[in-house]
């Protein structure tokens, strides 16, 4: 595991899929803090994209589960990151 991934996990990010990590931040200020921390540990010659969305935008995400059944009760928006 490379140094950058270890730093992400140390900052509380969870792996969503290969090369994609997510972290719930309670406020915009908290999100800016984590973006600054991540910017300080980006490895040379690498590309990192950071996306911030609001609780309302996150709640509007539509997930299609293909042939599997969706859960009967969806978790609260704050718990969705943990759901993965």
N, C-alpha and C. Protein backbone atom coordinates (compact mmCIF):
# COMPACT_ATOMS: atom_id res chain seq x y z
N UNK A 1 0.86 -1.17 0.00
CA UNK A 1 0.00 0.00 0.00
C UNK A 1 0.90 1.24 0.00
N UNK A 2 0.63 2.17 -0.89
CA UNK A 2 1.51 3.32 -0.97
C UNK A 2 1.22 4.35 0.12
N UNK A 3 2.12 5.28 0.25
CA UNK A 3 2.05 6.29 1.31
C UNK A 3 0.78 7.13 1.21
N UNK A 4 0.37 7.47 -0.01
CA UNK A 4 -0.82 8.31 -0.19
C UNK A 4 -2.08 7.61 0.31
N UNK A 5 -2.24 6.36 -0.01
CA UNK A 5 -3.42 5.61 0.44
C UNK A 5 -3.42 5.48 1.96
N UNK A 6 -2.26 5.24 2.54
CA UNK A 6 -2.17 5.17 4.00
C UNK A 6 -2.59 6.49 4.63
N UNK A 7 -2.19 7.60 4.00
CA UNK A 7 -2.56 8.92 4.51
C UNK A 7 -4.07 9.14 4.40
N UNK A 8 -4.67 8.71 3.29
CA UNK A 8 -6.12 8.82 3.13
C UNK A 8 -6.84 8.07 4.25
N UNK A 9 -6.41 6.86 4.49
CA UNK A 9 -7.05 6.05 5.54
C UNK A 9 -6.83 6.67 6.92
N UNK A 10 -5.67 7.25 7.14
CA UNK A 10 -5.38 7.94 8.40
C UNK A 10 -6.33 9.13 8.59
N UNK A 11 -6.70 9.78 7.49
CA UNK A 11 -7.61 10.93 7.53
C UNK A 11 -9.08 10.51 7.62
N UNK A 12 -9.36 9.21 7.64
CA UNK A 12 -10.73 8.75 7.80
C UNK A 12 -11.46 8.44 6.51
N UNK A 13 -10.73 8.38 5.38
CA UNK A 13 -11.36 8.04 4.11
C UNK A 13 -11.56 6.53 4.04
N UNK A 14 -12.63 6.12 3.36
CA UNK A 14 -12.93 4.71 3.17
C UNK A 14 -12.88 4.39 1.68
N UNK A 15 -12.38 3.22 1.35
CA UNK A 15 -12.31 2.81 -0.05
C UNK A 15 -13.71 2.45 -0.55
N UNK A 16 -14.13 3.10 -1.63
CA UNK A 16 -15.44 2.84 -2.22
C UNK A 16 -15.29 1.83 -3.34
N UNK A 17 -14.29 2.02 -4.15
CA UNK A 17 -13.93 1.08 -5.21
C UNK A 17 -12.48 1.33 -5.55
N UNK A 18 -11.94 0.57 -6.48
CA UNK A 18 -10.51 0.70 -6.80
C UNK A 18 -10.17 2.15 -7.16
N UNK A 19 -9.28 2.74 -6.39
CA UNK A 19 -8.82 4.09 -6.67
C UNK A 19 -9.80 5.19 -6.28
N UNK A 20 -10.88 4.84 -5.59
CA UNK A 20 -11.87 5.85 -5.21
C UNK A 20 -12.13 5.76 -3.71
N UNK A 21 -11.93 6.89 -3.03
CA UNK A 21 -12.10 6.95 -1.60
C UNK A 21 -13.11 8.04 -1.25
N UNK A 22 -13.83 7.86 -0.16
CA UNK A 22 -14.86 8.82 0.24
C UNK A 22 -14.75 9.10 1.73
N UNK A 23 -15.17 10.30 2.09
CA UNK A 23 -15.20 10.67 3.51
C UNK A 23 -16.34 11.65 3.72
N UNK A 24 -17.15 11.42 4.73
CA UNK A 24 -18.23 12.35 5.07
C UNK A 24 -17.67 13.45 5.95
N UNK A 25 -17.91 14.69 5.58
CA UNK A 25 -17.50 15.84 6.38
C UNK A 25 -18.76 16.55 6.85
N UNK A 26 -18.80 16.90 8.12
CA UNK A 26 -20.01 17.48 8.70
C UNK A 26 -20.26 18.92 8.25
N UNK A 27 -19.20 19.66 7.91
CA UNK A 27 -19.36 21.04 7.48
C UNK A 27 -18.46 21.31 6.28
N UNK A 28 -18.74 22.41 5.57
CA UNK A 28 -17.91 22.80 4.44
C UNK A 28 -16.49 23.13 4.92
N UNK A 29 -16.39 23.74 6.10
CA UNK A 29 -15.08 24.07 6.65
C UNK A 29 -14.27 22.81 6.93
N UNK A 30 -14.92 21.79 7.45
CA UNK A 30 -14.26 20.52 7.70
C UNK A 30 -13.78 19.90 6.39
N UNK A 31 -14.58 20.01 5.34
CA UNK A 31 -14.20 19.52 4.02
C UNK A 31 -12.97 20.25 3.49
N UNK A 32 -12.93 21.58 3.65
CA UNK A 32 -11.77 22.35 3.20
C UNK A 32 -10.51 21.93 3.96
N UNK A 33 -10.65 21.64 5.24
CA UNK A 33 -9.50 21.18 6.03
C UNK A 33 -8.93 19.90 5.46
N UNK A 34 -9.79 18.95 5.14
CA UNK A 34 -9.32 17.66 4.60
C UNK A 34 -8.75 17.83 3.20
N UNK A 35 -9.32 18.73 2.40
CA UNK A 35 -8.75 18.97 1.06
C UNK A 35 -7.33 19.53 1.18
N UNK A 36 -7.11 20.44 2.12
CA UNK A 36 -5.75 20.99 2.32
C UNK A 36 -4.78 19.89 2.76
N UNK A 37 -5.22 19.05 3.66
CA UNK A 37 -4.35 17.97 4.14
C UNK A 37 -3.99 17.02 3.01
N UNK A 38 -4.97 16.68 2.18
CA UNK A 38 -4.72 15.78 1.06
C UNK A 38 -3.77 16.43 0.06
N UNK A 39 -3.96 17.72 -0.21
CA UNK A 39 -3.09 18.44 -1.16
C UNK A 39 -1.63 18.40 -0.70
N UNK A 40 -1.40 18.34 0.60
CA UNK A 40 -0.04 18.32 1.12
C UNK A 40 0.66 16.97 0.99
N UNK A 41 -0.08 15.91 0.71
CA UNK A 41 0.54 14.58 0.63
C UNK A 41 0.44 13.94 -0.75
N UNK A 42 -0.04 14.70 -1.74
CA UNK A 42 -0.12 14.15 -3.11
C UNK A 42 1.28 13.85 -3.60
N UNK A 43 1.43 12.66 -4.15
CA UNK A 43 2.74 12.23 -4.64
C UNK A 43 3.08 12.92 -5.96
N UNK A 44 4.36 13.13 -6.21
CA UNK A 44 4.77 13.76 -7.47
C UNK A 44 4.27 12.96 -8.67
N UNK A 45 3.95 13.68 -9.73
CA UNK A 45 3.50 13.08 -10.99
C UNK A 45 2.22 12.26 -10.84
N UNK A 46 1.36 12.67 -9.93
CA UNK A 46 0.08 11.98 -9.77
C UNK A 46 -1.06 12.97 -9.95
N UNK A 47 -2.24 12.45 -10.16
CA UNK A 47 -3.43 13.29 -10.31
C UNK A 47 -4.44 12.84 -9.27
N UNK A 48 -4.97 13.81 -8.54
CA UNK A 48 -5.99 13.53 -7.54
C UNK A 48 -7.14 14.49 -7.78
N UNK A 49 -8.34 13.98 -7.90
CA UNK A 49 -9.54 14.80 -8.07
C UNK A 49 -10.36 14.72 -6.79
N UNK A 50 -10.76 15.88 -6.29
CA UNK A 50 -11.58 15.94 -5.08
C UNK A 50 -12.93 16.53 -5.45
N UNK A 51 -13.99 15.91 -4.98
CA UNK A 51 -15.35 16.35 -5.27
C UNK A 51 -16.08 16.56 -3.97
N UNK A 52 -16.69 17.71 -3.83
CA UNK A 52 -17.50 18.00 -2.65
C UNK A 52 -18.95 18.15 -3.07
N UNK A 53 -19.84 17.50 -2.34
CA UNK A 53 -21.27 17.64 -2.60
C UNK A 53 -21.98 17.87 -1.27
N UNK A 54 -23.13 18.51 -1.34
CA UNK A 54 -23.90 18.79 -0.13
C UNK A 54 -24.71 17.57 0.28
N UNK A 55 -25.23 17.60 1.50
CA UNK A 55 -26.11 16.52 1.97
C UNK A 55 -27.30 16.36 1.04
N UNK A 56 -27.86 17.48 0.61
CA UNK A 56 -29.03 17.43 -0.27
C UNK A 56 -28.69 16.76 -1.60
N UNK A 57 -27.55 17.12 -2.19
CA UNK A 57 -27.13 16.50 -3.45
C UNK A 57 -26.86 15.01 -3.25
N UNK A 58 -26.24 14.67 -2.13
CA UNK A 58 -25.93 13.28 -1.85
C UNK A 58 -27.22 12.46 -1.70
N UNK A 59 -28.21 13.06 -1.08
CA UNK A 59 -29.49 12.37 -0.89
C UNK A 59 -30.20 12.10 -2.20
N UNK A 60 -29.86 12.86 -3.24
CA UNK A 60 -30.50 12.69 -4.55
C UNK A 60 -29.81 11.66 -5.44
N UNK A 61 -28.75 11.03 -4.94
CA UNK A 61 -28.06 10.02 -5.74
C UNK A 61 -28.99 8.83 -5.96
N UNK A 62 -29.08 8.39 -7.19
CA UNK A 62 -29.88 7.21 -7.52
C UNK A 62 -28.92 6.05 -7.75
N UNK A 63 -29.09 4.97 -7.05
CA UNK A 63 -28.25 3.79 -7.22
C UNK A 63 -29.06 2.68 -7.84
N UNK A 64 -28.55 2.11 -8.90
CA UNK A 64 -29.20 0.98 -9.56
C UNK A 64 -28.42 -0.27 -9.19
N UNK A 65 -29.08 -1.27 -8.68
CA UNK A 65 -28.41 -2.46 -8.19
C UNK A 65 -28.47 -3.63 -9.16
N UNK A 66 -28.92 -3.40 -10.38
CA UNK A 66 -28.96 -4.48 -11.37
C UNK A 66 -29.89 -5.58 -10.93
N UNK A 67 -29.38 -6.80 -10.87
CA UNK A 67 -30.24 -7.93 -10.54
C UNK A 67 -30.40 -8.14 -9.03
N UNK A 68 -29.64 -7.42 -8.23
CA UNK A 68 -29.80 -7.57 -6.78
C UNK A 68 -30.90 -6.64 -6.30
N UNK A 69 -31.46 -6.95 -5.17
CA UNK A 69 -32.53 -6.12 -4.61
C UNK A 69 -31.93 -5.00 -3.77
N UNK A 70 -32.53 -3.84 -3.90
CA UNK A 70 -32.11 -2.70 -3.09
C UNK A 70 -32.58 -2.91 -1.66
N UNK A 71 -31.89 -2.35 -0.68
CA UNK A 71 -32.34 -2.48 0.71
C UNK A 71 -33.74 -1.89 0.88
N UNK A 72 -34.54 -2.49 1.74
CA UNK A 72 -35.90 -1.99 1.95
C UNK A 72 -35.90 -0.62 2.62
N UNK A 73 -34.95 -0.40 3.52
CA UNK A 73 -34.88 0.88 4.21
C UNK A 73 -33.50 1.48 3.95
N UNK A 74 -33.49 2.67 3.36
CA UNK A 74 -32.23 3.34 3.09
C UNK A 74 -31.72 4.01 4.35
N UNK A 75 -30.39 4.01 4.54
CA UNK A 75 -29.82 4.71 5.70
C UNK A 75 -29.92 6.22 5.51
N UNK A 76 -29.73 6.97 6.59
CA UNK A 76 -29.71 8.42 6.51
C UNK A 76 -28.52 8.84 5.65
N UNK A 77 -28.58 10.04 5.08
CA UNK A 77 -27.51 10.48 4.18
C UNK A 77 -26.14 10.45 4.86
N UNK A 78 -26.07 10.75 6.15
CA UNK A 78 -24.80 10.75 6.84
C UNK A 78 -24.21 9.35 6.95
N UNK A 79 -25.05 8.34 6.90
CA UNK A 79 -24.59 6.96 7.06
C UNK A 79 -24.28 6.28 5.73
N UNK A 80 -24.58 6.92 4.61
CA UNK A 80 -24.40 6.26 3.33
C UNK A 80 -22.94 5.93 3.02
N UNK A 81 -22.03 6.79 3.39
CA UNK A 81 -20.62 6.51 3.13
C UNK A 81 -20.24 5.22 3.84
N UNK A 82 -20.72 5.03 5.06
CA UNK A 82 -20.43 3.82 5.81
C UNK A 82 -21.13 2.61 5.21
N UNK A 83 -22.23 2.85 4.47
CA UNK A 83 -23.02 1.77 3.89
C UNK A 83 -22.22 0.97 2.88
N UNK A 84 -21.33 1.64 2.16
CA UNK A 84 -20.52 0.96 1.15
C UNK A 84 -19.54 0.07 1.84
